[in-house]
Amino acid sequence: MKTYEQFSKKSRVSYSCVLLNPEFHQLLKNTYCNELSEDWKIYCHHMTICMGELPPDLKSRIGEEIEIETVKIGQDDKAFVVKVNPLDDELQTYYTPPKFPHVTLAVNTINNGKPFMSNKIGNWDAIENMKLYGRITEIKN
């Protein structure tokens, strides 16, 4: 039988995000990741709002559909990322430099790339803006 601690740990919120709807996950993957080598693990999954649970003022918005827009693309030897603009004024307030809203497209596993390394991308190229939709979600570990 599981202990309370084991149960609590399994049900903890790992991070909160705008989880992309499946068709927009696929759109990002098809648009940007088709040419990547096998060394890259593809994500195209979500835009992180914060680590852990949502702040109390956003809790009531769980499940709400949010529109985000791609604005730039960046890559280094560890991570491949699209910078996005959440088209929601309340969500914008959760990003203060050096933090920026983005969707990790892929990480280079051969170079020990990890999704958090997306936050270190510094060089950006312009791309055609694309609207994406997802739902405010808390992801449990």
C-alpha atoms as a PDB file:
ATOM      1  CA  MET A   1       0.000   0.000   0.000  1.00  0.00           C
ATOM      2  CA  LYS A   2       1.282   3.479  -0.878  1.00  0.00           C
ATOM      3  CA  THR A   3       2.102   5.893   1.882  1.00  0.00           C
ATOM      4  CA  TYR A   4       0.660   9.393   1.976  1.00  0.00           C
ATOM      5  CA  GLU A   5       4.076  10.788   1.015  1.00  0.00           C
ATOM      6  CA  GLN A   6       4.245   8.557  -2.060  1.00  0.00           C
ATOM      7  CA  PHE A   7       0.731   9.516  -3.093  1.00  0.00           C
ATOM      8  CA  SER A   8       1.361  13.234  -2.486  1.00  0.00           C
ATOM      9  CA  LYS A   9       4.568  13.163  -4.469  1.00  0.00           C
ATOM     10  CA  LYS A  10       2.913  11.504  -7.452  1.00  0.00           C
ATOM     11  CA  SER A  11       0.119  14.035  -7.488  1.00  0.00           C
ATOM     12  CA  ARG A  12       2.303  17.136  -7.190  1.00  0.00           C
ATOM     13  CA  VAL A  13       2.182  19.695  -9.943  1.00  0.00           C
ATOM     14  CA  SER A  14       5.498  19.702 -11.779  1.00  0.00           C
ATOM     15  CA  TYR A  15       4.796  22.756 -13.943  1.00  0.00           C
ATOM     16  CA  SER A  16       1.930  24.851 -15.281  1.00  0.00           C
ATOM     17  CA  CYS A  17       1.621  25.677 -18.942  1.00  0.00           C
ATOM     18  CA  VAL A  18      -0.404  26.349 -22.027  1.00  0.00           C
ATOM     19  CA  LEU A  19      -0.583  22.774 -23.338  1.00  0.00           C
ATOM     20  CA  LEU A  20      -0.858  22.937 -27.112  1.00  0.00           C
ATOM     21  CA  ASN A  21      -3.879  21.357 -28.735  1.00  0.00           C
ATOM     22  CA  PRO A  22      -2.778  18.250 -30.716  1.00  0.00           C
ATOM     23  CA  GLU A  23      -3.227  19.865 -34.135  1.00  0.00           C
ATOM     24  CA  PHE A  24      -0.927  22.762 -33.161  1.00  0.00           C
ATOM     25  CA  HIS A  25       1.671  20.389 -31.688  1.00  0.00           C
ATOM     26  CA  GLN A  26       1.649  18.635 -35.071  1.00  0.00           C
ATOM     27  CA  LEU A  27       1.783  21.943 -36.980  1.00  0.00           C
ATOM     28  CA  LEU A  28       4.943  23.032 -35.122  1.00  0.00           C
ATOM     29  CA  LYS A  29       6.507  19.609 -35.552  1.00  0.00           C
ATOM     30  CA  ASN A  30       5.770  19.517 -39.303  1.00  0.00           C
ATOM     31  CA  THR A  31       6.836  23.126 -39.876  1.00  0.00           C
ATOM     32  CA  TYR A  32      10.138  23.140 -37.995  1.00  0.00           C
ATOM     33  CA  CYS A  33      11.298  19.644 -37.062  1.00  0.00           C
ATOM     34  CA  ASN A  34      11.164  17.540 -40.246  1.00  0.00           C
ATOM     35  CA  GLU A  35      14.810  18.245 -41.087  1.00  0.00           C
ATOM     36  CA  LEU A  36      16.257  17.477 -37.633  1.00  0.00           C
ATOM     37  CA  SER A  37      18.615  14.528 -37.252  1.00  0.00           C
ATOM     38  CA  GLU A  38      17.930  11.615 -34.914  1.00  0.00           C
ATOM     39  CA  ASP A  39      20.121  13.360 -32.314  1.00  0.00           C
ATOM     40  CA  TRP A  40      17.240  15.738 -31.560  1.00  0.00           C
ATOM     41  CA  LYS A  41      14.351  14.771 -29.282  1.00  0.00           C
ATOM     42  CA  ILE A  42      11.200  16.566 -30.444  1.00  0.00           C
ATOM     43  CA  TYR A  43       8.834  18.225 -27.948  1.00  0.00           C
ATOM     44  CA  CYS A  44       6.590  20.958 -29.506  1.00  0.00           C
ATOM     45  CA  HIS A  45       4.389  20.422 -26.456  1.00  0.00           C
ATOM     46  CA  HIS A  46       3.713  23.516 -24.352  1.00  0.00           C
ATOM     47  CA  MET A  47       4.540  27.058 -23.264  1.00  0.00           C
ATOM     48  CA  THR A  48       5.560  27.016 -19.597  1.00  0.00           C
ATOM     49  CA  ILE A  49       3.829  29.586 -17.386  1.00  0.00           C
ATOM     50  CA  CYS A  50       5.605  28.641 -14.148  1.00  0.00           C
ATOM     51  CA  MET A  51       7.159  25.736 -12.295  1.00  0.00           C
ATOM     52  CA  GLY A  52       4.772  24.095  -9.848  1.00  0.00           C
ATOM     53  CA  GLU A  53       1.147  25.082  -9.393  1.00  0.00           C
ATOM     54  CA  LEU A  54      -0.468  28.046 -11.052  1.00  0.00           C
ATOM     55  CA  PRO A  55      -0.618  31.233  -9.001  1.00  0.00           C
ATOM     56  CA  PRO A  56      -3.990  31.596  -7.212  1.00  0.00           C
ATOM     57  CA  ASP A  57      -5.163  34.294  -9.646  1.00  0.00           C
ATOM     58  CA  LEU A  58      -4.859  31.838 -12.566  1.00  0.00           C
ATOM     59  CA  LYS A  59      -6.359  28.724 -10.919  1.00  0.00           C
ATOM     60  CA  SER A  60      -9.871  29.546 -12.107  1.00  0.00           C
ATOM     61  CA  ARG A  61      -8.568  29.616 -15.684  1.00  0.00           C
ATOM     62  CA  ILE A  62      -7.478  25.956 -15.792  1.00  0.00           C
ATOM     63  CA  GLY A  63      -8.846  24.445 -19.014  1.00  0.00           C
ATOM     64  CA  GLU A  64      -9.328  27.816 -20.693  1.00  0.00           C
ATOM     65  CA  GLU A  65      -8.160  27.952 -24.313  1.00  0.00           C
ATOM     66  CA  ILE A  66      -5.379  30.478 -24.935  1.00  0.00           C
ATOM     67  CA  GLU A  67      -4.038  31.885 -28.180  1.00  0.00           C
ATOM     68  CA  ILE A  68      -0.291  32.322 -28.579  1.00  0.00           C
ATOM     69  CA  GLU A  69       1.652  33.533 -31.594  1.00  0.00           C
ATOM     70  CA  THR A  70       5.103  32.554 -32.791  1.00  0.00           C
ATOM     71  CA  VAL A  71       7.393  35.549 -33.207  1.00  0.00           C
ATOM     72  CA  LYS A  72      11.008  34.313 -33.488  1.00  0.00           C
ATOM     73  CA  ILE A  73      13.039  31.136 -33.748  1.00  0.00           C
ATOM     74  CA  GLY A  74      16.341  30.325 -32.071  1.00  0.00           C
ATOM     75  CA  GLN A  75      18.757  27.437 -31.891  1.00  0.00           C
ATOM     76  CA  ASP A  76      22.082  26.521 -30.380  1.00  0.00           C
ATOM     77  CA  ASP A  77      23.862  23.178 -30.082  1.00  0.00           C
ATOM     78  CA  LYS A  78      21.515  22.042 -27.276  1.00  0.00           C
ATOM     79  CA  ALA A  79      18.027  23.487 -27.872  1.00  0.00           C
ATOM     80  CA  PHE A  80      15.711  24.566 -30.698  1.00  0.00           C
ATOM     81  CA  VAL A  81      12.971  27.005 -29.688  1.00  0.00           C
ATOM     82  CA  VAL A  82      10.199  29.274 -30.939  1.00  0.00           C
ATOM     83  CA  LYS A  83       9.669  32.431 -28.945  1.00  0.00           C
ATOM     84  CA  VAL A  84       5.969  33.134 -28.604  1.00  0.00           C
ATOM     85  CA  ASN A  85       3.744  35.987 -27.594  1.00  0.00           C
ATOM     86  CA  PRO A  86       0.839  34.947 -25.367  1.00  0.00           C
ATOM     87  CA  LEU A  87      -2.045  37.043 -26.643  1.00  0.00           C
ATOM     88  CA  ASP A  88      -3.381  37.394 -23.104  1.00  0.00           C
ATOM     89  CA  ASP A  89      -2.380  40.397 -21.007  1.00  0.00           C
ATOM     90  CA  GLU A  90      -2.613  38.503 -17.721  1.00  0.00           C
ATOM     91  CA  LEU A  91      -0.234  35.766 -18.901  1.00  0.00           C
ATOM     92  CA  GLN A  92       2.252  38.359 -20.207  1.00  0.00           C
ATOM     93  CA  THR A  93       2.868  39.530 -16.631  1.00  0.00           C
ATOM     94  CA  TYR A  94       4.498  36.190 -15.723  1.00  0.00           C
ATOM     95  CA  TYR A  95       7.467  36.785 -18.035  1.00  0.00           C
ATOM     96  CA  THR A  96      10.088  39.228 -16.861  1.00  0.00           C
ATOM     97  CA  PRO A  97      13.590  39.188 -18.405  1.00  0.00           C
ATOM     98  CA  PRO A  98      15.554  37.037 -18.722  1.00  0.00           C
ATOM     99  CA  LYS A  99      12.506  34.722 -18.736  1.00  0.00           C
ATOM    100  CA  PHE A 100      10.590  34.702 -22.016  1.00  0.00           C
ATOM    101  CA  PRO A 101       7.575  32.773 -23.281  1.00  0.00           C
ATOM    102  CA  HIS A 102       8.554  30.006 -25.669  1.00  0.00           C
ATOM    103  CA  VAL A 103       7.829  26.518 -26.908  1.00  0.00           C
ATOM    104  CA  THR A 104      10.767  24.100 -26.907  1.00  0.00           C
ATOM    105  CA  LEU A 105      10.723  22.436 -30.308  1.00  0.00           C
ATOM    106  CA  ALA A 106      13.544  19.961 -29.652  1.00  0.00           C
ATOM    107  CA  VAL A 107      16.713  19.310 -27.681  1.00  0.00           C
ATOM    108  CA  ASN A 108      19.950  17.728 -28.878  1.00  0.00           C
ATOM    109  CA  THR A 109      20.407  14.562 -26.827  1.00  0.00           C
ATOM    110  CA  ILE A 110      23.938  13.912 -28.128  1.00  0.00           C
ATOM    111  CA  ASN A 111      24.998  17.298 -26.677  1.00  0.00           C
ATOM    112  CA  ASN A 112      23.111  16.589 -23.420  1.00  0.00           C
ATOM    113  CA  GLY A 113      20.417  19.103 -24.310  1.00  0.00           C
ATOM    114  CA  LYS A 114      17.575  19.439 -21.802  1.00  0.00           C
ATOM    115  CA  PRO A 115      14.306  21.383 -22.216  1.00  0.00           C
ATOM    116  CA  PHE A 116      15.286  23.973 -19.558  1.00  0.00           C
ATOM    117  CA  MET A 117      18.220  24.971 -21.776  1.00  0.00           C
ATOM    118  CA  SER A 118      15.709  26.654 -24.069  1.00  0.00           C
ATOM    119  CA  ASN A 119      15.801  29.559 -21.627  1.00  0.00           C
ATOM    120  CA  LYS A 120      19.424  30.227 -22.584  1.00  0.00           C
ATOM    121  CA  ILE A 121      18.874  30.856 -26.290  1.00  0.00           C
ATOM    122  CA  GLY A 122      20.157  34.319 -27.128  1.00  0.00           C
ATOM    123  CA  ASN A 123      20.199  34.586 -30.923  1.00  0.00           C
ATOM    124  CA  TRP A 124      16.868  34.861 -32.680  1.00  0.00           C
ATOM    125  CA  ASP A 125      15.705  34.950 -36.279  1.00  0.00           C
ATOM    126  CA  ALA A 126      12.443  36.367 -37.549  1.00  0.00           C
ATOM    127  CA  ILE A 127       9.808  33.905 -38.718  1.00  0.00           C
ATOM    128  CA  GLU A 128       6.352  34.161 -40.182  1.00  0.00           C
ATOM    129  CA  ASN A 129       3.931  34.543 -37.294  1.00  0.00           C
ATOM    130  CA  MET A 130       1.752  31.535 -36.659  1.00  0.00           C
ATOM    131  CA  LYS A 131      -1.181  31.386 -34.267  1.00  0.00           C
ATOM    132  CA  LEU A 132      -1.298  28.410 -31.907  1.00  0.00           C
ATOM    133  CA  TYR A 133      -3.936  27.355 -29.398  1.00  0.00           C
ATOM    134  CA  GLY A 134      -3.704  25.409 -26.190  1.00  0.00           C
ATOM    135  CA  ARG A 135      -5.268  25.122 -22.749  1.00  0.00           C
ATOM    136  CA  ILE A 136      -4.043  26.360 -19.395  1.00  0.00           C
ATOM    137  CA  THR A 137      -2.997  23.170 -17.606  1.00  0.00           C
ATOM    138  CA  GLU A 138      -1.161  21.972 -14.512  1.00  0.00           C
ATOM    139  CA  ILE A 139       1.100  19.007 -15.359  1.00  0.00           C
ATOM    140  CA  LYS A 140       1.560  16.490 -12.562  1.00  0.00           C
ATOM    141  CA  ASN A 141       4.617  14.302 -12.235  1.00  0.00           C
END
